[in-house]
Amino acid sequence: MSGINTKFSYKQLHTLKHALLEYMQRNGITDADFKSEQNLLLKINYQIEEMKERYHI
């Protein structure tokens, strides 16, 4: 995501989060892929928490 600043809605972030969690459970995932996807999940969770605070969700 370096250099890309895309705005997602709260609902879109939750959809991405759940899709990524499901995707990370696939067969044959490498350690490198898992770590990369886990980092993305952390970023998504951070954005969700920021929105919760900002919009009192």
Protein backbone atom coordinates (compact mmCIF):
# COMPACT_ATOMS: atom_id res chain seq x y z
CA MET A 1 0.00 0.00 0.00
CA SER A 2 2.99 2.25 -0.08
CA GLY A 3 2.18 5.46 -1.89
CA ILE A 4 -1.49 4.59 -2.41
CA ASN A 5 -4.07 6.48 -0.36
CA THR A 6 -7.47 4.93 -1.00
CA LYS A 7 -10.49 5.77 1.13
CA PHE A 8 -12.69 2.89 2.20
CA SER A 9 -15.92 3.01 4.16
CA TYR A 10 -16.24 1.29 7.53
CA LYS A 11 -18.34 -1.46 5.94
CA GLN A 12 -15.82 -1.94 3.12
CA LEU A 13 -12.98 -2.29 5.63
CA HIS A 14 -14.91 -4.95 7.52
CA THR A 15 -15.57 -6.81 4.28
CA LEU A 16 -11.88 -6.67 3.40
CA LYS A 17 -10.95 -7.84 6.89
CA HIS A 18 -13.21 -10.89 6.77
CA ALA A 19 -12.22 -11.77 3.21
CA LEU A 20 -8.53 -11.56 4.12
CA LEU A 21 -9.01 -13.69 7.23
CA GLU A 22 -10.69 -16.36 5.11
CA TYR A 23 -8.03 -16.10 2.40
CA MET A 24 -5.23 -16.52 4.95
CA GLN A 25 -6.57 -19.97 5.84
CA ARG A 26 -6.00 -21.37 2.34
CA ASN A 27 -3.94 -24.49 1.72
CA GLY A 28 -0.36 -24.03 0.62
CA ILE A 29 0.15 -20.52 2.00
CA THR A 30 3.83 -19.68 2.40
CA ASP A 31 5.28 -18.07 5.51
CA ALA A 32 6.16 -14.97 3.47
CA ASP A 33 2.59 -14.67 2.15
CA PHE A 34 1.15 -15.17 5.62
CA LYS A 35 3.38 -12.49 7.13
CA SER A 36 2.60 -10.05 4.32
CA GLU A 37 -1.14 -10.65 4.64
CA GLN A 38 -0.94 -10.42 8.42
CA ASN A 39 0.68 -6.99 8.07
CA LEU A 40 -2.14 -5.91 5.77
CA LEU A 41 -4.66 -7.20 8.30
CA LEU A 42 -3.01 -5.10 11.01
CA LYS A 43 -3.33 -2.00 8.80
CA ILE A 44 -6.99 -2.74 8.12
CA ASN A 45 -7.69 -3.29 11.84
CA TYR A 46 -5.94 -0.02 12.64
CA GLN A 47 -8.10 1.87 10.15
CA ILE A 48 -11.24 0.25 11.56
CA GLU A 49 -10.30 1.32 15.08
CA GLU A 50 -9.54 4.86 13.90
CA MET A 51 -12.96 5.10 12.27
CA LYS A 52 -14.65 3.77 15.41
CA GLU A 53 -13.06 6.54 17.45
CA ARG A 54 -13.56 9.28 14.87
CA TYR A 55 -17.21 8.52 14.16
CA HIS A 56 -18.17 7.13 17.60
CA ILE A 57 -19.17 3.76 16.17
